[in-house]
Amino acid sequence: MGDQTAIEWTDATWNPVTGCTKISPGCENCYAERFSERFRGTAGHPFERGFDLTLRPNRLTQPLTWRRSRMIFVNSMSDLFHKDVPPEYIDQVFQVMESADWHTFQVLTKRSSRMRDYINRRYKHSAPPHIWLGVSVEDGKRKSRIDHLRDSSASIRFLSIEPLIGPIGKLDLNGIHWVIVGGESGPRSRPMQPEWVREIRDQCKKFGTAFFFKQWGGLRPKSGGRTIDGKVWDEMPSLNWAAE
């Protein structure tokens, strides 16, 4: 964790909260939980408490010390909008993001209704364009999260369809600027079918939504590579959309 990461679609991670609880089938084989629980009970280790939800106030100011502009994934090891994260603490996280406006922050959640309500209270018109807001959607049964995101006053909205564990079906991508798709990895990874990926890619092309394909997944994240029909998709959202 910190100002370097192996995640292809970001430059750094920032975890002012760690730990979470499962909320839907996409959480079943959570990589963050698997990593954290390896260290449960190890005295003095940052994950001595495993994947228990833990506020990390000592990390709040980290982005302010990173002077070079970065794309920062917020809470790669948690969910900022978990019901047990106090709103006052979420306020502190957003205050830092607002101050560190030379970075771009990517906030991703499965608690989409809580995020929508918070964002709409905090930003009456639109969130700052350097704070991107996204939701995780793992199959066609979780698409209500997209509606919640669209109903928020976000400037840049994105979807993380990872792990993709079932067909998504028809998507309404109006107001959605970026879609990331990836297969599950790890010893119990569930297979992702090529037609599910192609269906999403083709809908992104239809709507003019940037499409990023992260991985096919498997035992290791890159076991199946990153190409679809011989092509790597690394599209990113246009910052011009934030002004629309």
C-alpha atoms as a PDB file:
ATOM      1  CA  MET A   1       0.000   0.000   0.000  1.00  0.00           C
ATOM      2  CA  GLY A   2       1.211   3.512  -0.707  1.00  0.00           C
ATOM      3  CA  ASP A   3       2.483   5.590  -3.564  1.00  0.00           C
ATOM      4  CA  GLN A   4       3.116   2.557  -5.810  1.00  0.00           C
ATOM      5  CA  THR A   5       0.811  -0.264  -6.884  1.00  0.00           C
ATOM      6  CA  ALA A   6       0.557  -3.111  -9.374  1.00  0.00           C
ATOM      7  CA  ILE A   7      -3.071  -2.225 -10.213  1.00  0.00           C
ATOM      8  CA  GLU A   8      -3.057  -1.281 -13.892  1.00  0.00           C
ATOM      9  CA  TRP A   9      -5.672   1.461 -13.800  1.00  0.00           C
ATOM     10  CA  THR A  10      -4.178   3.546 -10.998  1.00  0.00           C
ATOM     11  CA  ASP A  11      -0.803   4.818  -9.753  1.00  0.00           C
ATOM     12  CA  ALA A  12      -1.090   4.532  -5.980  1.00  0.00           C
ATOM     13  CA  THR A  13      -3.342   3.304  -3.176  1.00  0.00           C
ATOM     14  CA  TRP A  14      -4.403   5.128  -0.036  1.00  0.00           C
ATOM     15  CA  ASN A  15      -6.070   3.255   2.804  1.00  0.00           C
ATOM     16  CA  PRO A  16      -7.363   5.508   5.589  1.00  0.00           C
ATOM     17  CA  VAL A  17      -9.665   2.558   6.380  1.00  0.00           C
ATOM     18  CA  THR A  18      -8.900  -1.166   6.166  1.00  0.00           C
ATOM     19  CA  GLY A  19     -11.109  -4.188   6.590  1.00  0.00           C
ATOM     20  CA  CYS A  20     -14.667  -4.826   5.501  1.00  0.00           C
ATOM     21  CA  THR A  21     -17.568  -7.282   5.609  1.00  0.00           C
ATOM     22  CA  LYS A  22     -19.151  -9.227   2.767  1.00  0.00           C
ATOM     23  CA  ILE A  23     -22.209  -7.704   1.130  1.00  0.00           C
ATOM     24  CA  SER A  24     -22.755  -9.650  -2.134  1.00  0.00           C
ATOM     25  CA  PRO A  25     -21.395 -12.640  -4.116  1.00  0.00           C
ATOM     26  CA  GLY A  26     -18.565 -10.591  -5.593  1.00  0.00           C
ATOM     27  CA  CYS A  27     -17.053 -10.438  -2.092  1.00  0.00           C
ATOM     28  CA  GLU A  28     -16.842 -14.204  -1.681  1.00  0.00           C
ATOM     29  CA  ASN A  29     -13.155 -14.568  -2.573  1.00  0.00           C
ATOM     30  CA  CYS A  30     -12.000 -11.074  -1.613  1.00  0.00           C
ATOM     31  CA  TYR A  31      -8.269 -10.634  -2.307  1.00  0.00           C
ATOM     32  CA  ALA A  32      -7.958  -7.975   0.414  1.00  0.00           C
ATOM     33  CA  GLU A  33      -9.445 -10.275   3.036  1.00  0.00           C
ATOM     34  CA  ARG A  34      -7.233 -13.156   1.918  1.00  0.00           C
ATOM     35  CA  PHE A  35      -4.131 -10.978   2.227  1.00  0.00           C
ATOM     36  CA  SER A  36      -5.077  -9.398   5.560  1.00  0.00           C
ATOM     37  CA  GLU A  37      -6.073 -12.579   7.352  1.00  0.00           C
ATOM     38  CA  ARG A  38      -2.626 -14.068   6.767  1.00  0.00           C
ATOM     39  CA  PHE A  39      -1.351 -11.706   9.461  1.00  0.00           C
ATOM     40  CA  ARG A  40      -4.129 -11.947  12.043  1.00  0.00           C
ATOM     41  CA  GLY A  41      -2.587 -12.258  15.471  1.00  0.00           C
ATOM     42  CA  THR A  42       0.876 -11.143  14.338  1.00  0.00           C
ATOM     43  CA  ALA A  43       1.800  -8.649  17.035  1.00  0.00           C
ATOM     44  CA  GLY A  44       2.762  -5.242  15.705  1.00  0.00           C
ATOM     45  CA  HIS A  45       1.758  -5.979  12.114  1.00  0.00           C
ATOM     46  CA  PRO A  46      -0.592  -3.469  10.392  1.00  0.00           C
ATOM     47  CA  PHE A  47      -3.047  -6.358   9.930  1.00  0.00           C
ATOM     48  CA  GLU A  48      -2.740  -7.784  13.430  1.00  0.00           C
ATOM     49  CA  ARG A  49      -6.559  -7.628  13.537  1.00  0.00           C
ATOM     50  CA  GLY A  50      -6.873  -9.284  10.151  1.00  0.00           C
ATOM     51  CA  PHE A  51      -9.683  -7.889   8.019  1.00  0.00           C
ATOM     52  CA  ASP A  52     -11.669  -6.340  10.864  1.00  0.00           C
ATOM     53  CA  LEU A  53     -12.857  -2.859   9.921  1.00  0.00           C
ATOM     54  CA  THR A  54     -10.223  -0.435  11.215  1.00  0.00           C
ATOM     55  CA  LEU A  55      -9.975   3.335  10.916  1.00  0.00           C
ATOM     56  CA  ARG A  56      -6.420   4.540  10.214  1.00  0.00           C
ATOM     57  CA  PRO A  57      -6.363   8.258  11.126  1.00  0.00           C
ATOM     58  CA  ASN A  58      -2.550   8.284  11.013  1.00  0.00           C
ATOM     59  CA  ARG A  59      -2.835   7.752   7.242  1.00  0.00           C
ATOM     60  CA  LEU A  60      -5.282  10.557   6.556  1.00  0.00           C
ATOM     61  CA  THR A  61      -2.692  13.091   5.423  1.00  0.00           C
ATOM     62  CA  GLN A  62      -0.623  10.747   3.228  1.00  0.00           C
ATOM     63  CA  PRO A  63      -1.740  12.217  -0.136  1.00  0.00           C
ATOM     64  CA  LEU A  64      -0.775  15.690   1.049  1.00  0.00           C
ATOM     65  CA  THR A  65       2.851  14.515   1.337  1.00  0.00           C
ATOM     66  CA  TRP A  66       2.946  13.100  -2.214  1.00  0.00           C
ATOM     67  CA  ARG A  67       3.920  16.128  -4.256  1.00  0.00           C
ATOM     68  CA  ARG A  68       4.004  14.432  -7.649  1.00  0.00           C
ATOM     69  CA  SER A  69       0.555  14.143  -9.205  1.00  0.00           C
ATOM     70  CA  ARG A  70      -0.859  10.627  -8.965  1.00  0.00           C
ATOM     71  CA  MET A  71      -4.001   8.660  -9.737  1.00  0.00           C
ATOM     72  CA  ILE A  72      -4.940   7.341  -6.271  1.00  0.00           C
ATOM     73  CA  PHE A  73      -7.280   4.419  -5.581  1.00  0.00           C
ATOM     74  CA  VAL A  74      -8.949   5.168  -2.228  1.00  0.00           C
ATOM     75  CA  ASN A  75      -9.389   2.208   0.126  1.00  0.00           C
ATOM     76  CA  SER A  76      -8.163  -0.675  -1.987  1.00  0.00           C
ATOM     77  CA  MET A  77      -8.365  -2.681   1.273  1.00  0.00           C
ATOM     78  CA  SER A  78     -11.816  -1.555   2.435  1.00  0.00           C
ATOM     79  CA  ASP A  79     -14.983   0.345   1.502  1.00  0.00           C
ATOM     80  CA  LEU A  80     -15.157   3.977   2.596  1.00  0.00           C
ATOM     81  CA  PHE A  81     -18.964   3.831   2.691  1.00  0.00           C
ATOM     82  CA  HIS A  82     -19.226   0.765   4.927  1.00  0.00           C
ATOM     83  CA  LYS A  83     -22.035   1.359   7.440  1.00  0.00           C
ATOM     84  CA  ASP A  84     -19.566   1.314  10.348  1.00  0.00           C
ATOM     85  CA  VAL A  85     -17.379   4.128   9.009  1.00  0.00           C
ATOM     86  CA  PRO A  86     -18.646   7.260  10.812  1.00  0.00           C
ATOM     87  CA  PRO A  87     -19.778  10.129   8.567  1.00  0.00           C
ATOM     88  CA  GLU A  88     -17.411  12.439  10.433  1.00  0.00           C
ATOM     89  CA  TYR A  89     -14.501  10.256   9.371  1.00  0.00           C
ATOM     90  CA  ILE A  90     -15.709  10.203   5.756  1.00  0.00           C
ATOM     91  CA  ASP A  91     -15.764  14.008   6.007  1.00  0.00           C
ATOM     92  CA  GLN A  92     -12.085  13.990   6.965  1.00  0.00           C
ATOM     93  CA  VAL A  93     -11.205  11.768   4.002  1.00  0.00           C
ATOM     94  CA  PHE A  94     -13.029  14.094   1.608  1.00  0.00           C
ATOM     95  CA  GLN A  95     -11.420  17.165   3.144  1.00  0.00           C
ATOM     96  CA  VAL A  96      -8.005  15.708   2.351  1.00  0.00           C
ATOM     97  CA  MET A  97      -9.044  14.835  -1.205  1.00  0.00           C
ATOM     98  CA  GLU A  98     -10.417  18.327  -1.749  1.00  0.00           C
ATOM     99  CA  SER A  99      -7.168  19.869  -0.493  1.00  0.00           C
ATOM    100  CA  ALA A 100      -4.872  17.578  -2.505  1.00  0.00           C
ATOM    101  CA  ASP A 101      -6.349  18.654  -5.825  1.00  0.00           C
ATOM    102  CA  TRP A 102      -3.155  17.959  -7.792  1.00  0.00           C
ATOM    103  CA  HIS A 103      -4.046  14.256  -7.499  1.00  0.00           C
ATOM    104  CA  THR A 104      -6.944  12.338  -9.020  1.00  0.00           C
ATOM    105  CA  PHE A 105      -8.809  10.192  -6.468  1.00  0.00           C
ATOM    106  CA  GLN A 106     -10.786   7.068  -7.404  1.00  0.00           C
ATOM    107  CA  VAL A 107     -13.387   6.166  -4.774  1.00  0.00           C
ATOM    108  CA  LEU A 108     -15.050   2.781  -5.306  1.00  0.00           C
ATOM    109  CA  THR A 109     -17.868   1.237  -3.273  1.00  0.00           C
ATOM    110  CA  LYS A 110     -20.483  -1.502  -3.172  1.00  0.00           C
ATOM    111  CA  ARG A 111     -22.500   0.589  -0.672  1.00  0.00           C
ATOM    112  CA  SER A 112     -23.860   2.690  -3.507  1.00  0.00           C
ATOM    113  CA  SER A 113     -26.916   4.204  -1.829  1.00  0.00           C
ATOM    114  CA  ARG A 114     -24.864   5.473   1.115  1.00  0.00           C
ATOM    115  CA  MET A 115     -22.345   6.997  -1.275  1.00  0.00           C
ATOM    116  CA  ARG A 116     -25.081   8.662  -3.340  1.00  0.00           C
ATOM    117  CA  ASP A 117     -26.699  10.181  -0.265  1.00  0.00           C
ATOM    118  CA  TYR A 118     -23.388  11.417   1.124  1.00  0.00           C
ATOM    119  CA  ILE A 119     -22.181  12.902  -2.153  1.00  0.00           C
ATOM    120  CA  ASN A 120     -25.464  14.673  -2.788  1.00  0.00           C
ATOM    121  CA  ARG A 121     -25.384  16.224   0.682  1.00  0.00           C
ATOM    122  CA  ARG A 122     -21.794  17.344   0.329  1.00  0.00           C
ATOM    123  CA  TYR A 123     -21.973  18.620  -3.247  1.00  0.00           C
ATOM    124  CA  LYS A 124     -25.223  20.312  -4.213  1.00  0.00           C
ATOM    125  CA  HIS A 125     -24.192  20.714  -7.850  1.00  0.00           C
ATOM    126  CA  SER A 126     -21.206  18.509  -8.697  1.00  0.00           C
ATOM    127  CA  ALA A 127     -18.253  16.902  -6.960  1.00  0.00           C
ATOM    128  CA  PRO A 128     -14.768  18.222  -7.761  1.00  0.00           C
ATOM    129  CA  PRO A 129     -13.632  16.726 -11.092  1.00  0.00           C
ATOM    130  CA  HIS A 130     -10.465  15.286  -9.527  1.00  0.00           C
ATOM    131  CA  ILE A 131     -12.592  13.046  -7.258  1.00  0.00           C
ATOM    132  CA  TRP A 132     -13.947  10.175  -9.362  1.00  0.00           C
ATOM    133  CA  LEU A 133     -16.756   8.085  -7.903  1.00  0.00           C
ATOM    134  CA  GLY A 134     -17.463   4.488  -8.815  1.00  0.00           C
ATOM    135  CA  VAL A 135     -19.412   1.371  -7.909  1.00  0.00           C
ATOM    136  CA  SER A 136     -18.567  -2.335  -8.111  1.00  0.00           C
ATOM    137  CA  VAL A 137     -20.994  -4.498 -10.092  1.00  0.00           C
ATOM    138  CA  GLU A 138     -20.245  -8.211 -10.401  1.00  0.00           C
ATOM    139  CA  ASP A 139     -23.259  -9.499 -12.341  1.00  0.00           C
ATOM    140  CA  GLY A 140     -26.639  -8.515 -13.756  1.00  0.00           C
ATOM    141  CA  LYS A 141     -28.349  -8.638 -10.352  1.00  0.00           C
ATOM    142  CA  ARG A 142     -26.372  -5.687  -8.920  1.00  0.00           C
ATOM    143  CA  LYS A 143     -27.183  -3.080 -11.569  1.00  0.00           C
ATOM    144  CA  SER A 144     -29.184  -0.945  -9.125  1.00  0.00           C
ATOM    145  CA  ARG A 145     -25.791   0.297  -7.921  1.00  0.00           C
ATOM    146  CA  ILE A 146     -25.318   1.941 -11.317  1.00  0.00           C
ATOM    147  CA  ASP A 147     -28.597   3.830 -10.895  1.00  0.00           C
ATOM    148  CA  HIS A 148     -27.459   5.056  -7.474  1.00  0.00           C
ATOM    149  CA  LEU A 149     -24.192   6.260  -8.989  1.00  0.00           C
ATOM    150  CA  ARG A 150     -25.966   8.010 -11.830  1.00  0.00           C
ATOM    151  CA  ASP A 151     -28.225   9.752  -9.306  1.00  0.00           C
ATOM    152  CA  SER A 152     -25.222  11.187  -7.480  1.00  0.00           C
ATOM    153  CA  SER A 153     -23.678  14.584  -8.135  1.00  0.00           C
ATOM    154  CA  ALA A 154     -20.402  13.005  -9.259  1.00  0.00           C
ATOM    155  CA  SER A 155     -18.430  14.655 -12.043  1.00  0.00           C
ATOM    156  CA  ILE A 156     -16.703  11.468 -13.242  1.00  0.00           C
ATOM    157  CA  ARG A 157     -18.583   8.182 -12.721  1.00  0.00           C
ATOM    158  CA  PHE A 158     -17.053   4.757 -13.232  1.00  0.00           C
ATOM    159  CA  LEU A 159     -17.890   1.080 -12.872  1.00  0.00           C
ATOM    160  CA  SER A 160     -15.604  -1.680 -11.678  1.00  0.00           C
ATOM    161  CA  ILE A 161     -17.093  -4.870 -13.079  1.00  0.00           C
ATOM    162  CA  GLU A 162     -14.646  -7.080 -11.271  1.00  0.00           C
ATOM    163  CA  PRO A 163     -14.779  -9.875 -10.508  1.00  0.00           C
ATOM    164  CA  LEU A 164     -17.232 -10.468 -13.339  1.00  0.00           C
ATOM    165  CA  ILE A 165     -18.939 -13.671 -12.183  1.00  0.00           C
ATOM    166  CA  GLY A 166     -22.054 -13.671 -14.367  1.00  0.00           C
ATOM    167  CA  PRO A 167     -23.568 -12.025 -17.425  1.00  0.00           C
ATOM    168  CA  ILE A 168     -24.391  -8.342 -17.014  1.00  0.00           C
ATOM    169  CA  GLY A 169     -27.003  -8.034 -19.757  1.00  0.00           C
ATOM    170  CA  LYS A 170     -28.179  -4.686 -21.060  1.00  0.00           C
ATOM    171  CA  LEU A 171     -26.474  -1.679 -19.499  1.00  0.00           C
ATOM    172  CA  ASP A 172     -27.602   1.926 -19.337  1.00  0.00           C
ATOM    173  CA  LEU A 173     -24.295   3.768 -19.554  1.00  0.00           C
ATOM    174  CA  ASN A 174     -25.724   7.250 -19.819  1.00  0.00           C
ATOM    175  CA  GLY A 175     -23.685   9.421 -17.470  1.00  0.00           C
ATOM    176  CA  ILE A 176     -21.064   6.685 -16.962  1.00  0.00           C
ATOM    177  CA  HIS A 177     -17.611   7.700 -18.138  1.00  0.00           C
ATOM    178  CA  TRP A 178     -15.469   4.615 -17.566  1.00  0.00           C
ATOM    179  CA  VAL A 179     -15.921   0.843 -17.204  1.00  0.00           C
ATOM    180  CA  ILE A 180     -13.248  -1.522 -15.840  1.00  0.00           C
ATOM    181  CA  VAL A 181     -13.748  -5.272 -16.348  1.00  0.00           C
ATOM    182  CA  GLY A 182     -11.740  -8.121 -14.861  1.00  0.00           C
ATOM    183  CA  GLY A 183     -11.931 -11.781 -13.975  1.00  0.00           C
ATOM    184  CA  GLU A 184     -11.434 -13.230 -10.527  1.00  0.00           C
ATOM    185  CA  SER A 185      -8.038 -14.497  -9.405  1.00  0.00           C
ATOM    186  CA  GLY A 186      -6.876 -16.761  -6.608  1.00  0.00           C
ATOM    187  CA  PRO A 187      -7.143 -20.435  -5.648  1.00  0.00           C
ATOM    188  CA  ARG A 188     -10.975 -20.419  -5.746  1.00  0.00           C
ATOM    189  CA  SER A 189     -11.452 -18.097  -8.709  1.00  0.00           C
ATOM    190  CA  ARG A 190     -14.704 -18.398 -10.623  1.00  0.00           C
ATOM    191  CA  PRO A 191     -14.337 -18.474 -14.421  1.00  0.00           C
ATOM    192  CA  MET A 192     -15.360 -15.528 -16.575  1.00  0.00           C
ATOM    193  CA  GLN A 193     -16.886 -16.220 -19.977  1.00  0.00           C
ATOM    194  CA  PRO A 194     -15.595 -14.327 -23.045  1.00  0.00           C
ATOM    195  CA  GLU A 195     -19.116 -13.487 -24.208  1.00  0.00           C
ATOM    196  CA  TRP A 196     -19.789 -11.619 -20.939  1.00  0.00           C
ATOM    197  CA  VAL A 197     -16.755  -9.404 -21.566  1.00  0.00           C
ATOM    198  CA  ARG A 198     -17.543  -8.810 -25.232  1.00  0.00           C
ATOM    199  CA  GLU A 199     -21.099  -7.820 -24.363  1.00  0.00           C
ATOM    200  CA  ILE A 200     -19.847  -5.108 -21.987  1.00  0.00           C
ATOM    201  CA  ARG A 201     -17.132  -3.930 -24.381  1.00  0.00           C
ATOM    202  CA  ASP A 202     -19.607  -3.576 -27.233  1.00  0.00           C
ATOM    203  CA  GLN A 203     -22.042  -1.592 -25.099  1.00  0.00           C
ATOM    204  CA  CYS A 204     -19.222   0.740 -24.027  1.00  0.00           C
ATOM    205  CA  LYS A 205     -18.394   1.342 -27.678  1.00  0.00           C
ATOM    206  CA  LYS A 206     -22.049   2.099 -28.404  1.00  0.00           C
ATOM    207  CA  PHE A 207     -22.296   4.668 -25.583  1.00  0.00           C
ATOM    208  CA  GLY A 208     -18.833   6.146 -26.123  1.00  0.00           C
ATOM    209  CA  THR A 209     -17.775   5.023 -22.632  1.00  0.00           C
ATOM    210  CA  ALA A 210     -14.079   4.370 -21.993  1.00  0.00           C
ATOM    211  CA  PHE A 211     -13.400   0.631 -21.584  1.00  0.00           C
ATOM    212  CA  PHE A 212     -10.509  -0.870 -19.608  1.00  0.00           C
ATOM    213  CA  PHE A 213      -9.947  -4.634 -19.558  1.00  0.00           C
ATOM    214  CA  LYS A 214      -7.819  -5.566 -16.557  1.00  0.00           C
ATOM    215  CA  GLN A 215      -7.443  -9.353 -16.718  1.00  0.00           C
ATOM    216  CA  TRP A 216      -9.020 -12.721 -17.477  1.00  0.00           C
ATOM    217  CA  GLY A 217      -8.013 -13.974 -14.040  1.00  0.00           C
ATOM    218  CA  GLY A 218      -7.306 -17.494 -12.865  1.00  0.00           C
ATOM    219  CA  LEU A 219      -4.986 -18.814 -10.187  1.00  0.00           C
ATOM    220  CA  ARG A 220      -2.894 -15.657 -10.588  1.00  0.00           C
ATOM    221  CA  PRO A 221      -4.225 -12.269 -11.739  1.00  0.00           C
ATOM    222  CA  LYS A 222      -2.476 -12.472 -15.104  1.00  0.00           C
ATOM    223  CA  SER A 223      -2.862 -16.212 -15.681  1.00  0.00           C
ATOM    224  CA  GLY A 224      -5.088 -15.598 -18.708  1.00  0.00           C
ATOM    225  CA  GLY A 225      -3.481 -12.386 -19.958  1.00  0.00           C
ATOM    226  CA  ARG A 226      -5.198  -9.082 -20.778  1.00  0.00           C
ATOM    227  CA  THR A 227      -6.215  -9.252 -24.419  1.00  0.00           C
ATOM    228  CA  ILE A 228      -9.695  -9.555 -25.913  1.00  0.00           C
ATOM    229  CA  ASP A 229      -9.746 -10.839 -29.488  1.00  0.00           C
ATOM    230  CA  GLY A 230      -6.063  -9.960 -29.773  1.00  0.00           C
ATOM    231  CA  LYS A 231      -6.349  -6.398 -28.439  1.00  0.00           C
ATOM    232  CA  VAL A 232      -5.416  -4.735 -25.134  1.00  0.00           C
ATOM    233  CA  TRP A 233      -8.037  -2.222 -23.932  1.00  0.00           C
ATOM    234  CA  ASP A 234      -6.553   0.509 -21.728  1.00  0.00           C
ATOM    235  CA  GLU A 235      -9.014   3.349 -22.291  1.00  0.00           C
ATOM    236  CA  MET A 236      -9.371   6.043 -19.635  1.00  0.00           C
ATOM    237  CA  PRO A 237     -12.145   8.621 -19.200  1.00  0.00           C
ATOM    238  CA  SER A 238     -11.760  11.992 -20.815  1.00  0.00           C
ATOM    239  CA  LEU A 239     -11.401  14.749 -18.253  1.00  0.00           C
ATOM    240  CA  ASN A 240     -13.420  16.950 -20.588  1.00  0.00           C
ATOM    241  CA  TRP A 241     -16.518  15.036 -19.493  1.00  0.00           C
ATOM    242  CA  ALA A 242     -16.241  16.564 -16.051  1.00  0.00           C
ATOM    243  CA  ALA A 243     -17.204  19.916 -17.514  1.00  0.00           C
ATOM    244  CA  GLU A 244     -20.392  18.638 -19.144  1.00  0.00           C
END
